C-alpha atoms as a PDB file:
ATOM      1  CA  UNK A   1      49.737  39.284  66.830  1.00  0.00           C
ATOM      2  CA  UNK A   2      47.382  40.786  64.229  1.00  0.00           C
ATOM      3  CA  UNK A   3      49.562  39.386  61.458  1.00  0.00           C
ATOM      4  CA  UNK A   4      49.301  35.923  63.008  1.00  0.00           C
ATOM      5  CA  UNK A   5      45.495  36.155  63.200  1.00  0.00           C
ATOM      6  CA  UNK A   6      45.231  37.346  59.587  1.00  0.00           C
ATOM      7  CA  UNK A   7      47.539  34.540  58.413  1.00  0.00           C
ATOM      8  CA  UNK A   8      45.490  31.956  60.322  1.00  0.00           C
ATOM      9  CA  UNK A   9      42.228  33.263  58.814  1.00  0.00           C
ATOM     10  CA  UNK A  10      43.667  33.277  55.285  1.00  0.00           C
ATOM     11  CA  UNK A  11      44.993  29.725  55.611  1.00  0.00           C
ATOM     12  CA  UNK A  12      41.641  28.536  56.902  1.00  0.00           C
ATOM     13  CA  UNK A  13      39.886  30.213  53.977  1.00  0.00           C
ATOM     14  CA  UNK A  14      42.314  28.866  51.370  1.00  0.00           C
ATOM     15  CA  UNK A  15      42.179  25.282  52.651  1.00  0.00           C
ATOM     16  CA  UNK A  16      38.437  25.263  53.344  1.00  0.00           C
ATOM     17  CA  UNK A  17      36.771  22.163  51.968  1.00  0.00           C
ATOM     18  CA  UNK A  18      32.986  21.986  52.205  1.00  0.00           C
ATOM     19  CA  UNK A  19      32.193  20.057  55.359  1.00  0.00           C
ATOM     20  CA  UNK A  20      29.045  18.241  54.255  1.00  0.00           C
ATOM     21  CA  UNK A  21      28.985  14.859  52.623  1.00  0.00           C
ATOM     22  CA  UNK A  22      31.292  13.044  50.251  1.00  0.00           C
ATOM     23  CA  UNK A  23      33.416  14.778  47.617  1.00  0.00           C
ATOM     24  CA  UNK A  24      36.176  13.958  45.173  1.00  0.00           C
ATOM     25  CA  UNK A  25      38.452  16.948  44.635  1.00  0.00           C
ATOM     26  CA  UNK A  26      41.536  17.760  42.631  1.00  0.00           C
ATOM     27  CA  UNK A  27      44.404  17.558  45.130  1.00  0.00           C
ATOM     28  CA  UNK A  28      47.089  19.422  43.151  1.00  0.00           C
ATOM     29  CA  UNK A  29      46.137  22.837  44.430  1.00  0.00           C
ATOM     30  CA  UNK A  30      45.537  24.547  47.741  1.00  0.00           C
ATOM     31  CA  UNK A  31      42.239  25.987  46.506  1.00  0.00           C
ATOM     32  CA  UNK A  32      40.303  22.740  46.375  1.00  0.00           C
ATOM     33  CA  UNK A  33      36.929  24.515  46.538  1.00  0.00           C
ATOM     34  CA  UNK A  34      37.107  25.390  42.845  1.00  0.00           C
ATOM     35  CA  UNK A  35      38.138  21.921  41.750  1.00  0.00           C
ATOM     36  CA  UNK A  36      35.300  19.691  42.895  1.00  0.00           C
ATOM     37  CA  UNK A  37      35.106  16.753  40.516  1.00  0.00           C
ATOM     38  CA  UNK A  38      32.202  14.912  42.135  1.00  0.00           C
ATOM     39  CA  UNK A  39      30.099  15.759  45.154  1.00  0.00           C
ATOM     40  CA  UNK A  40      27.529  14.046  47.299  1.00  0.00           C
ATOM     41  CA  UNK A  41      24.649  14.754  44.910  1.00  0.00           C
ATOM     42  CA  UNK A  42      26.523  13.092  42.002  1.00  0.00           C
ATOM     43  CA  UNK A  43      27.023   9.776  43.789  1.00  0.00           C
ATOM     44  CA  UNK A  44      24.160   7.277  43.823  1.00  0.00           C
ATOM     45  CA  UNK A  45      26.072   4.244  45.061  1.00  0.00           C
ATOM     46  CA  UNK A  46      29.404   2.684  45.966  1.00  0.00           C
ATOM     47  CA  UNK A  47      30.291  -0.978  45.373  1.00  0.00           C
ATOM     48  CA  UNK A  48      32.600  -1.730  48.270  1.00  0.00           C
ATOM     49  CA  UNK A  49      33.965  -5.057  47.003  1.00  0.00           C
ATOM     50  CA  UNK A  50      35.566  -3.449  43.937  1.00  0.00           C
ATOM     51  CA  UNK A  51      35.517   0.255  44.969  1.00  0.00           C
ATOM     52  CA  UNK A  52      33.332   1.358  42.121  1.00  0.00           C
ATOM     53  CA  UNK A  53      31.534   4.689  42.441  1.00  0.00           C
ATOM     54  CA  UNK A  54      28.136   4.769  40.741  1.00  0.00           C
ATOM     55  CA  UNK A  55      27.209   8.254  39.576  1.00  0.00           C
ATOM     56  CA  UNK A  56      24.031   9.781  38.185  1.00  0.00           C
ATOM     57  CA  UNK A  57      23.588  10.614  34.484  1.00  0.00           C
ATOM     58  CA  UNK A  58      24.193  14.328  35.025  1.00  0.00           C
ATOM     59  CA  UNK A  59      27.548  13.610  36.671  1.00  0.00           C
ATOM     60  CA  UNK A  60      28.465  11.132  33.918  1.00  0.00           C
ATOM     61  CA  UNK A  61      27.810  13.818  31.291  1.00  0.00           C
ATOM     62  CA  UNK A  62      29.775  16.369  33.320  1.00  0.00           C
ATOM     63  CA  UNK A  63      32.902  14.236  33.662  1.00  0.00           C
ATOM     64  CA  UNK A  64      32.839  13.156  30.007  1.00  0.00           C
ATOM     65  CA  UNK A  65      33.587  16.746  29.082  1.00  0.00           C
ATOM     66  CA  UNK A  66      35.791  17.546  32.061  1.00  0.00           C
ATOM     67  CA  UNK A  67      39.477  18.073  31.455  1.00  0.00           C
ATOM     68  CA  UNK A  68      40.736  17.011  34.870  1.00  0.00           C
ATOM     69  CA  UNK A  69      43.948  19.025  34.521  1.00  0.00           C
ATOM     70  CA  UNK A  70      45.407  17.693  37.753  1.00  0.00           C
ATOM     71  CA  UNK A  71      47.467  14.671  38.647  1.00  0.00           C
ATOM     72  CA  UNK A  72      46.075  13.876  42.109  1.00  0.00           C
ATOM     73  CA  UNK A  73      42.647  13.481  43.682  1.00  0.00           C
ATOM     74  CA  UNK A  74      41.409  13.367  47.252  1.00  0.00           C
ATOM     75  CA  UNK A  75      38.227  11.901  48.699  1.00  0.00           C
ATOM     76  CA  UNK A  76      36.801  14.037  51.490  1.00  0.00           C
ATOM     77  CA  UNK A  77      34.078  13.160  53.931  1.00  0.00           C
ATOM     78  CA  UNK A  78      32.510  16.028  55.856  1.00  0.00           C
ATOM     79  CA  UNK A  79      35.609  18.165  55.264  1.00  0.00           C
ATOM     80  CA  UNK A  80      38.137  15.488  56.289  1.00  0.00           C
ATOM     81  CA  UNK A  81      40.522  13.964  53.750  1.00  0.00           C
ATOM     82  CA  UNK A  82      40.153  10.175  53.829  1.00  0.00           C
ATOM     83  CA  UNK A  83      41.905   8.925  50.707  1.00  0.00           C
ATOM     84  CA  UNK A  84      44.379  10.507  48.321  1.00  0.00           C
ATOM     85  CA  UNK A  85      45.524   9.083  45.015  1.00  0.00           C
ATOM     86  CA  UNK A  86      46.584   9.709  41.432  1.00  0.00           C
ATOM     87  CA  UNK A  87      44.826  10.134  38.133  1.00  0.00           C
ATOM     88  CA  UNK A  88      46.549   7.578  35.897  1.00  0.00           C
ATOM     89  CA  UNK A  89      46.452   7.132  32.150  1.00  0.00           C
ATOM     90  CA  UNK A  90      44.181   4.290  31.084  1.00  0.00           C
ATOM     91  CA  UNK A  91      47.093   3.087  28.928  1.00  0.00           C
ATOM     92  CA  UNK A  92      49.063   2.188  32.088  1.00  0.00           C
ATOM     93  CA  UNK A  93      46.190   0.055  33.333  1.00  0.00           C
ATOM     94  CA  UNK A  94      47.796  -1.189  36.544  1.00  0.00           C
ATOM     95  CA  UNK A  95      51.465  -1.090  35.570  1.00  0.00           C
ATOM     96  CA  UNK A  96      53.382   0.485  38.427  1.00  0.00           C
ATOM     97  CA  UNK A  97      50.280   1.887  40.160  1.00  0.00           C
ATOM     98  CA  UNK A  98      51.095   1.820  43.864  1.00  0.00           C
ATOM     99  CA  UNK A  99      48.486   4.210  45.301  1.00  0.00           C
ATOM    100  CA  UNK A 100      44.713   4.512  44.840  1.00  0.00           C
ATOM    101  CA  UNK A 101      44.102   5.578  41.231  1.00  0.00           C
ATOM    102  CA  UNK A 102      41.298   6.776  38.985  1.00  0.00           C
ATOM    103  CA  UNK A 103      41.905   6.163  35.295  1.00  0.00           C
ATOM    104  CA  UNK A 104      41.786   9.019  32.792  1.00  0.00           C
ATOM    105  CA  UNK A 105      41.929   8.986  29.019  1.00  0.00           C
ATOM    106  CA  UNK A 106      45.418   9.332  27.546  1.00  0.00           C
ATOM    107  CA  UNK A 107      44.309  11.899  24.968  1.00  0.00           C
ATOM    108  CA  UNK A 108      44.581  15.653  25.395  1.00  0.00           C
ATOM    109  CA  UNK A 109      41.126  15.722  26.981  1.00  0.00           C
ATOM    110  CA  UNK A 110      42.458  13.802  29.999  1.00  0.00           C
ATOM    111  CA  UNK A 111      38.893  13.035  31.084  1.00  0.00           C
ATOM    112  CA  UNK A 112      37.902  10.484  33.711  1.00  0.00           C
ATOM    113  CA  UNK A 113      37.180   7.000  32.372  1.00  0.00           C
ATOM    114  CA  UNK A 114      33.563   6.220  33.292  1.00  0.00           C
ATOM    115  CA  UNK A 115      32.011   2.976  32.141  1.00  0.00           C
ATOM    116  CA  UNK A 116      28.196   3.033  32.300  1.00  0.00           C
ATOM    117  CA  UNK A 117      28.149   5.772  34.947  1.00  0.00           C
ATOM    118  CA  UNK A 118      30.724   3.993  37.084  1.00  0.00           C
ATOM    119  CA  UNK A 119      34.169   5.159  38.143  1.00  0.00           C
ATOM    120  CA  UNK A 120      36.537   2.649  39.663  1.00  0.00           C
ATOM    121  CA  UNK A 121      39.226   3.478  42.191  1.00  0.00           C
ATOM    122  CA  UNK A 122      42.070   1.067  41.425  1.00  0.00           C
ATOM    123  CA  UNK A 123      44.803  -0.102  43.798  1.00  0.00           C
ATOM    124  CA  UNK A 124      47.632  -2.552  43.092  1.00  0.00           C
ATOM    125  CA  UNK A 125      49.861  -1.784  46.071  1.00  0.00           C
ATOM    126  CA  UNK A 126      50.586  -3.637  49.277  1.00  0.00           C
ATOM    127  CA  UNK A 127      48.287  -4.102  52.244  1.00  0.00           C
ATOM    128  CA  UNK A 128      46.743  -2.306  53.990  1.00  0.00           C
ATOM    129  CA  UNK A 129      44.578  -1.065  51.144  1.00  0.00           C
ATOM    130  CA  UNK A 130      43.974   2.681  51.682  1.00  0.00           C
ATOM    131  CA  UNK A 131      40.531   2.357  50.051  1.00  0.00           C
ATOM    132  CA  UNK A 132      39.390   0.172  52.969  1.00  0.00           C
ATOM    133  CA  UNK A 133      38.500   3.183  55.112  1.00  0.00           C
ATOM    134  CA  UNK A 134      36.043   2.430  57.931  1.00  0.00           C
ATOM    135  CA  UNK A 135      34.799   6.054  58.139  1.00  0.00           C
ATOM    136  CA  UNK A 136      33.934   5.965  54.450  1.00  0.00           C
ATOM    137  CA  UNK A 137      32.215   2.583  54.739  1.00  0.00           C
ATOM    138  CA  UNK A 138      30.181   3.698  57.778  1.00  0.00           C
ATOM    139  CA  UNK A 139      29.068   6.857  55.963  1.00  0.00           C
ATOM    140  CA  UNK A 140      28.076   4.915  52.845  1.00  0.00           C
ATOM    141  CA  UNK A 141      26.048   2.475  54.949  1.00  0.00           C
ATOM    142  CA  UNK A 142      24.351   5.293  56.861  1.00  0.00           C
ATOM    143  CA  UNK A 143      23.418   7.084  53.619  1.00  0.00           C
ATOM    144  CA  UNK A 144      22.235   3.846  51.954  1.00  0.00           C
ATOM    145  CA  UNK A 145      24.873   4.237  49.236  1.00  0.00           C
ATOM    146  CA  UNK A 146      26.659   0.940  49.861  1.00  0.00           C
ATOM    147  CA  UNK A 147      25.848  -1.574  47.124  1.00  0.00           C
END
């Protein structure tokens, strides 16, 4: 019984994602807490029609020098995973992308492609579009982040 309780506590600790606000995390590892790519304070807007995340200058500088080092990302809202997708090479640019994707540079730096402090989440798959998440949209509206 004690072993079961300890295991439960450890799993909760390992998989703990901060439960406040919006975050984009690396999804390749169980310890997502150390791999926060963007958090609520980095995001200043979200263009729903083309799923473009508008970030502040500090975040833009941070991701320019960030070697993502993972292949998958997840978007969390208040600790709940809403969307999961891949980091894709900008060279691919839509070829064979079937899940939500954020483009990264093909060089060794493997940094997120941000154009004028904007990051786009691409999707070329079938309907329904996983980016069309009503919880995310409601949160963005409530926080006045929807553009």
